[in-house]
N, C-alpha and C. Protein backbone atom coordinates (compact mmCIF):
# COMPACT_ATOMS: atom_id res chain seq x y z
N MET A 1 16.20 78.27 -94.17
CA MET A 1 17.03 77.87 -93.56
C MET A 1 17.32 79.42 -93.78
N PHE A 2 17.66 80.94 -93.04
CA PHE A 2 17.40 81.47 -93.30
C PHE A 2 19.09 82.31 -92.68
N MET A 3 20.00 83.46 -93.25
CA MET A 3 21.15 84.20 -93.49
C MET A 3 20.60 84.08 -92.11
N ASP A 4 20.60 84.76 -91.28
CA ASP A 4 20.64 84.70 -89.92
C ASP A 4 21.52 83.33 -88.67
N ASP A 5 20.58 82.51 -89.29
CA ASP A 5 21.25 81.68 -88.70
C ASP A 5 22.50 80.29 -89.84
N LEU A 6 23.00 80.86 -90.79
CA LEU A 6 24.46 80.76 -90.74
C LEU A 6 25.60 81.56 -89.95
N PRO A 7 26.42 80.50 -90.15
CA PRO A 7 27.52 80.82 -89.23
C PRO A 7 28.55 82.16 -89.87
N CYS A 8 28.56 82.96 -89.02
CA CYS A 8 29.66 83.78 -89.78
C CYS A 8 31.09 83.48 -89.26
N LYS A 9 31.44 84.10 -90.78
CA LYS A 9 33.14 83.18 -90.84
C LYS A 9 34.63 84.48 -90.29
N ARG A 10 34.09 85.56 -89.77
CA ARG A 10 34.86 86.50 -88.84
C ARG A 10 34.76 86.38 -87.40
N VAL A 11 33.73 85.67 -86.87
CA VAL A 11 33.66 85.43 -85.78
C VAL A 11 35.21 84.53 -84.96
N ASP A 12 35.67 84.78 -84.37
CA ASP A 12 36.10 84.59 -83.68
C ASP A 12 36.71 84.76 -82.36
N LYS A 13 36.26 83.49 -81.38
CA LYS A 13 35.82 83.58 -80.26
C LYS A 13 36.78 84.31 -78.76
N ASN A 14 38.00 83.80 -79.59
CA ASN A 14 38.88 84.36 -79.22
C ASN A 14 39.49 85.64 -79.19
N GLN A 15 39.34 85.94 -79.92
CA GLN A 15 39.23 87.01 -80.70
C GLN A 15 38.56 88.38 -79.34
N ILE A 16 37.41 87.70 -79.50
CA ILE A 16 36.20 87.88 -78.77
C ILE A 16 35.68 88.48 -77.16
N GLU A 17 36.58 87.55 -77.09
CA GLU A 17 36.96 87.29 -75.17
C GLU A 17 37.41 88.17 -74.68
N LYS A 18 38.77 88.80 -75.70
CA LYS A 18 40.16 89.36 -75.18
C LYS A 18 39.16 91.06 -75.11
N LEU A 19 38.10 90.75 -75.64
CA LEU A 19 37.31 92.58 -75.79
C LEU A 19 37.38 93.19 -74.54
N THR A 20 36.26 94.27 -73.78
CA THR A 20 36.55 94.27 -72.71
C THR A 20 35.59 95.82 -72.93
N ILE A 21 34.64 95.99 -72.15
CA ILE A 21 33.89 96.99 -71.80
C ILE A 21 33.99 97.46 -70.39
N PRO A 22 33.61 98.85 -70.21
CA PRO A 22 33.79 99.54 -69.28
C PRO A 22 32.79 98.77 -68.44
N PRO A 23 33.09 98.81 -66.94
CA PRO A 23 31.81 98.66 -65.74
C PRO A 23 30.34 99.57 -66.31
N PRO A 24 29.15 98.77 -66.01
CA PRO A 24 28.02 99.09 -66.18
C PRO A 24 28.42 101.02 -65.02
N GLU A 25 29.02 101.37 -63.90
CA GLU A 25 28.56 102.65 -63.79
C GLU A 25 29.65 103.59 -64.70
N THR A 26 30.33 103.26 -65.32
CA THR A 26 31.26 103.64 -66.31
C THR A 26 30.67 104.15 -67.52
N ILE A 27 28.98 103.35 -67.72
CA ILE A 27 28.85 103.15 -69.06
C ILE A 27 27.83 104.10 -69.07
N THR A 28 27.16 104.43 -67.36
CA THR A 28 25.48 104.98 -67.37
C THR A 28 26.41 106.51 -67.24
N ARG A 29 27.95 106.16 -66.75
CA ARG A 29 28.56 108.24 -66.45
C ARG A 29 28.88 108.73 -67.76
N MET A 30 29.18 108.48 -69.25
CA MET A 30 29.67 108.40 -69.99
C MET A 30 28.01 109.09 -70.75
N SER A 31 26.77 107.25 -70.67
CA SER A 31 25.89 108.57 -71.10
C SER A 31 25.26 109.21 -70.95
N ALA A 32 25.38 109.91 -69.63
CA ALA A 32 24.73 110.89 -68.98
C ALA A 32 26.12 112.53 -69.67
N ILE A 33 27.06 111.71 -69.96
CA ILE A 33 28.14 113.35 -70.28
C ILE A 33 27.32 113.96 -71.80
N PHE A 34 27.43 112.12 -72.61
CA PHE A 34 26.95 112.39 -73.82
C PHE A 34 25.47 112.78 -74.17
N GLN A 35 24.36 112.61 -73.28
CA GLN A 35 23.03 113.12 -73.27
C GLN A 35 22.66 115.37 -72.93
N ALA A 36 23.95 114.91 -71.48
CA ALA A 36 24.26 116.67 -71.49
C ALA A 36 25.21 117.31 -72.39
N LEU A 37 25.92 116.72 -74.00
CA LEU A 37 26.48 117.81 -74.60
C LEU A 37 25.53 117.39 -76.06
N GLN A 38 24.54 117.03 -75.66
CA GLN A 38 23.39 117.07 -76.93
C GLN A 38 22.78 118.86 -77.01
N SER A 39 22.69 119.45 -76.11
CA SER A 39 21.89 121.07 -75.85
C SER A 39 23.48 121.04 -76.13
N SER A 40 22.92 121.96 -77.44
CA SER A 40 23.53 123.53 -77.61
C SER A 40 24.08 124.73 -76.66
N ALA A 41 23.18 125.31 -76.24
CA ALA A 41 23.41 125.92 -75.02
C ALA A 41 24.55 125.41 -74.11
N ARG A 42 24.69 124.30 -73.74
CA ARG A 42 25.89 124.04 -72.83
C ARG A 42 27.14 123.52 -73.37
N LEU A 43 27.36 123.06 -75.11
CA LEU A 43 27.93 123.34 -76.31
C LEU A 43 28.59 124.21 -76.29
N ASN A 44 28.23 125.86 -76.27
CA ASN A 44 28.34 126.34 -76.62
C ASN A 44 28.87 127.28 -75.48
N ILE A 45 28.53 127.48 -74.53
CA ILE A 45 29.33 127.01 -72.81
C ILE A 45 30.42 126.35 -73.18
N LEU A 46 30.67 126.16 -73.35
CA LEU A 46 32.21 124.91 -73.02
C LEU A 46 33.19 124.85 -74.21
N PHE A 47 32.37 125.65 -75.44
CA PHE A 47 33.52 126.14 -75.70
C PHE A 47 34.58 127.28 -75.62
N LEU A 48 33.32 128.20 -75.17
CA LEU A 48 33.59 129.70 -74.32
C LEU A 48 34.92 129.95 -73.44
N LEU A 49 34.13 128.23 -72.28
CA LEU A 49 35.30 127.74 -71.07
C LEU A 49 36.42 127.22 -72.03
N LYS A 50 36.74 126.85 -72.51
CA LYS A 50 37.77 126.27 -73.11
C LYS A 50 38.89 127.29 -73.77
N ASP A 51 38.48 128.54 -73.82
CA ASP A 51 39.04 129.47 -74.07
C ASP A 51 39.97 130.60 -73.18
N ARG A 52 39.11 130.77 -71.81
CA ARG A 52 38.46 131.76 -71.00
C ARG A 52 37.96 130.63 -69.64
N ASP A 53 38.29 131.44 -68.64
CA ASP A 53 37.38 131.75 -67.81
C ASP A 53 36.41 132.42 -67.17
N MET A 54 35.06 132.35 -67.00
CA MET A 54 34.24 132.96 -66.70
C MET A 54 33.20 132.96 -66.07
N CYS A 55 31.87 134.15 -65.28
CA CYS A 55 31.21 133.72 -65.00
C CYS A 55 29.92 133.76 -65.49
N VAL A 56 29.10 133.81 -64.28
CA VAL A 56 27.34 133.60 -65.48
C VAL A 56 27.19 135.08 -66.18
N CYS A 57 27.49 136.32 -65.22
CA CYS A 57 27.07 137.24 -66.24
C CYS A 57 28.22 137.27 -67.33
N GLU A 58 29.27 137.03 -67.56
CA GLU A 58 29.85 136.61 -68.98
C GLU A 58 29.46 136.47 -70.01
N LEU A 59 29.08 134.78 -69.15
CA LEU A 59 28.31 133.97 -70.87
C LEU A 59 27.26 134.05 -70.87
N SER A 60 26.50 134.83 -70.15
CA SER A 60 24.92 135.21 -70.33
C SER A 60 25.09 136.88 -71.35
N GLU A 61 25.84 137.56 -71.47
CA GLU A 61 26.56 138.26 -72.27
C GLU A 61 26.74 137.93 -73.76
N ALA A 62 27.70 137.19 -73.14
CA ALA A 62 28.48 136.14 -74.53
C ALA A 62 27.44 135.58 -75.59
N LEU A 63 26.51 134.83 -74.72
CA LEU A 63 25.30 133.45 -75.34
C LEU A 63 24.01 134.30 -75.76
N GLU A 64 23.86 135.84 -74.83
CA GLU A 64 22.72 136.53 -75.34
C GLU A 64 21.85 135.73 -74.65
N ALA A 65 21.82 135.12 -73.25
CA ALA A 65 21.16 134.43 -72.61
C ALA A 65 20.85 135.19 -71.29
N SER A 66 19.84 134.33 -70.62
CA SER A 66 19.04 134.79 -69.49
C SER A 66 20.25 134.32 -68.34
N GLN A 67 20.43 135.19 -67.17
CA GLN A 67 21.43 133.96 -66.28
C GLN A 67 20.92 133.44 -65.38
N SER A 68 19.82 133.06 -65.40
CA SER A 68 19.09 132.02 -64.74
C SER A 68 19.24 130.74 -66.05
N ALA A 69 19.57 130.97 -67.19
CA ALA A 69 19.39 130.09 -68.23
C ALA A 69 20.57 129.18 -68.47
N ILE A 70 21.88 130.44 -68.31
CA ILE A 70 22.99 129.75 -68.23
C ILE A 70 23.14 129.13 -66.47
N SER A 71 22.43 130.38 -65.42
CA SER A 71 22.73 128.67 -64.40
C SER A 71 22.57 127.25 -63.60
N HIS A 72 21.44 127.36 -65.09
CA HIS A 72 20.63 126.26 -65.05
C HIS A 72 21.76 124.96 -65.75
N ASN A 73 22.51 125.65 -67.29
CA ASN A 73 22.98 124.92 -67.44
C ASN A 73 24.15 124.68 -67.08
N MET A 74 25.11 125.52 -66.11
CA MET A 74 26.45 125.15 -65.35
C MET A 74 25.70 124.24 -64.35
N ARG A 75 24.66 124.23 -63.76
CA ARG A 75 24.74 122.95 -62.29
C ARG A 75 24.26 121.54 -62.88
N ILE A 76 24.18 121.58 -64.20
CA ILE A 76 24.46 119.80 -65.14
C ILE A 76 25.53 119.39 -65.17
N LEU A 77 26.32 121.21 -65.92
CA LEU A 77 27.41 120.73 -66.82
C LEU A 77 28.69 120.30 -65.01
N ARG A 78 28.15 120.98 -64.09
CA ARG A 78 28.75 120.70 -62.27
C ARG A 78 28.52 119.21 -62.24
N GLN A 79 28.00 119.28 -62.03
CA GLN A 79 27.84 117.83 -61.53
C GLN A 79 27.73 116.78 -62.12
N LEU A 80 28.85 117.01 -63.90
CA LEU A 80 28.94 115.59 -64.24
C LEU A 80 30.60 115.91 -64.34
N ASP A 81 30.90 117.16 -63.40
CA ASP A 81 31.99 116.90 -63.62
C ASP A 81 33.21 117.44 -65.17
N LEU A 82 32.19 118.35 -65.37
CA LEU A 82 33.34 118.86 -67.08
C LEU A 82 33.04 120.35 -66.45
N VAL A 83 32.25 120.81 -66.03
CA VAL A 83 33.15 122.48 -65.59
C VAL A 83 33.48 122.42 -63.84
N ARG A 84 33.96 123.13 -63.42
CA ARG A 84 34.54 123.58 -62.30
C ARG A 84 34.35 124.48 -61.72
N VAL A 85 34.12 124.96 -60.63
CA VAL A 85 33.72 126.86 -60.14
C VAL A 85 34.65 127.19 -58.57
N ARG A 86 35.16 128.45 -58.84
CA ARG A 86 35.88 128.27 -57.63
C ARG A 86 35.30 129.96 -58.01
N LYS A 87 35.58 130.44 -56.89
CA LYS A 87 35.07 131.66 -56.08
C LYS A 87 35.62 133.40 -56.60
N GLU A 88 35.73 134.42 -56.64
CA GLU A 88 36.78 135.53 -57.51
C GLU A 88 36.08 136.79 -56.88
N GLY A 89 35.79 136.98 -54.99
CA GLY A 89 35.32 137.91 -54.18
C GLY A 89 33.90 137.40 -54.42
N ARG A 90 33.11 138.25 -55.30
CA ARG A 90 31.75 137.49 -54.93
C ARG A 90 30.89 137.65 -56.64
N PHE A 91 31.70 137.03 -57.16
CA PHE A 91 31.92 136.32 -57.90
C PHE A 91 32.13 134.50 -58.30
N ALA A 92 31.20 133.64 -59.10
CA ALA A 92 32.41 131.79 -59.53
C ALA A 92 32.09 131.84 -60.50
N VAL A 93 33.64 131.78 -60.59
CA VAL A 93 33.88 131.46 -62.27
C VAL A 93 34.22 130.55 -62.40
N TYR A 94 33.50 129.91 -63.74
CA TYR A 94 33.69 128.84 -64.05
C TYR A 94 34.94 128.28 -65.31
N TYR A 95 35.53 127.10 -65.07
CA TYR A 95 36.39 126.67 -66.13
C TYR A 95 36.33 125.08 -66.11
N ILE A 96 36.91 124.78 -67.22
CA ILE A 96 37.06 123.89 -67.92
C ILE A 96 37.78 123.03 -66.57
N ALA A 97 36.53 121.76 -66.55
CA ALA A 97 37.15 120.97 -65.12
C ALA A 97 38.93 120.36 -65.78
N ASP A 98 38.90 119.63 -66.85
CA ASP A 98 40.75 119.11 -67.03
C ASP A 98 40.95 119.44 -68.15
N GLU A 99 41.39 118.60 -68.91
CA GLU A 99 42.22 118.75 -70.11
C GLU A 99 41.27 117.65 -70.81
N HIS A 100 41.07 116.88 -70.68
CA HIS A 100 40.28 115.94 -71.03
C HIS A 100 38.59 116.29 -71.43
N VAL A 101 38.02 116.99 -70.86
CA VAL A 101 37.01 117.61 -71.54
C VAL A 101 37.38 118.39 -72.40
N ARG A 102 38.66 119.47 -72.08
CA ARG A 102 38.70 119.99 -73.63
C ARG A 102 39.03 118.91 -75.09
N LEU A 103 39.78 118.57 -74.46
CA LEU A 103 39.76 116.90 -75.51
C LEU A 103 39.02 116.55 -76.46
N LEU A 104 37.96 116.42 -75.56
CA LEU A 104 36.59 115.19 -76.38
C LEU A 104 35.66 116.65 -77.04
N ILE A 105 36.51 117.73 -76.51
CA ILE A 105 35.38 118.35 -77.10
C ILE A 105 35.11 119.09 -78.37
N GLU A 106 36.93 119.09 -78.57
CA GLU A 106 38.04 119.71 -79.55
C GLU A 106 38.40 118.65 -80.81
N THR A 107 38.03 117.53 -80.09
CA THR A 107 38.44 116.17 -80.97
C THR A 107 36.50 116.18 -81.80
N CYS A 108 36.22 116.09 -81.08
CA CYS A 108 34.50 116.06 -81.71
C CYS A 108 34.00 117.14 -82.61
N ARG A 109 35.08 118.45 -82.17
CA ARG A 109 34.72 119.60 -83.34
C ARG A 109 35.75 119.30 -84.56
N GLN A 110 37.07 118.80 -84.21
CA GLN A 110 37.90 118.15 -85.40
C GLN A 110 37.32 116.66 -86.32
N HIS A 111 36.15 116.46 -86.24
CA HIS A 111 36.02 115.40 -86.12
C HIS A 111 34.81 115.81 -87.51
N ILE A 112 33.86 116.50 -87.33
CA ILE A 112 32.89 117.71 -87.84
C ILE A 112 33.42 118.09 -89.09
N ILE A 113 34.69 118.58 -88.43
CA ILE A 113 35.36 119.29 -89.55
C ILE A 113 35.90 118.31 -90.96
N GLU A 114 36.41 117.71 -90.83
CA GLU A 114 37.12 116.22 -92.04
C GLU A 114 36.01 116.11 -92.10
N GLU A 115 34.56 115.43 -91.61
CA GLU A 115 34.13 115.21 -92.75
C GLU A 115 32.96 116.26 -92.86
N TYR A 116 33.03 117.23 -93.71
CA TYR A 116 32.75 117.97 -93.98
C TYR A 116 33.54 118.82 -95.50
N ARG A 117 35.08 117.97 -95.20
CA ARG A 117 35.98 118.61 -96.22
C ARG A 117 35.46 117.66 -96.83
């Protein structure tokens, strides 16, 4: 008999039945967000926007990246509703979508800081 075939004494079927997993659509959307956040460029953008609303030309200057590259990343962040945009005259000004996004990136940053203490 293999070890895998032995019953696990920790299994409590009543407790397991009470556990919940979000619906597949939610998991798919969360997965897309985490995939988008694998990009250091997009994370840098979010950290800048966490402190200040900015247009593409400001982000381009701050990150020393082309406006085209910034725009490409902004499209992805907008599609996932991590950032939003408003018009100010001829400028499109980007900002963090809501406090949940701020909390997500700040919590992750704090986790890293604590991990390496």
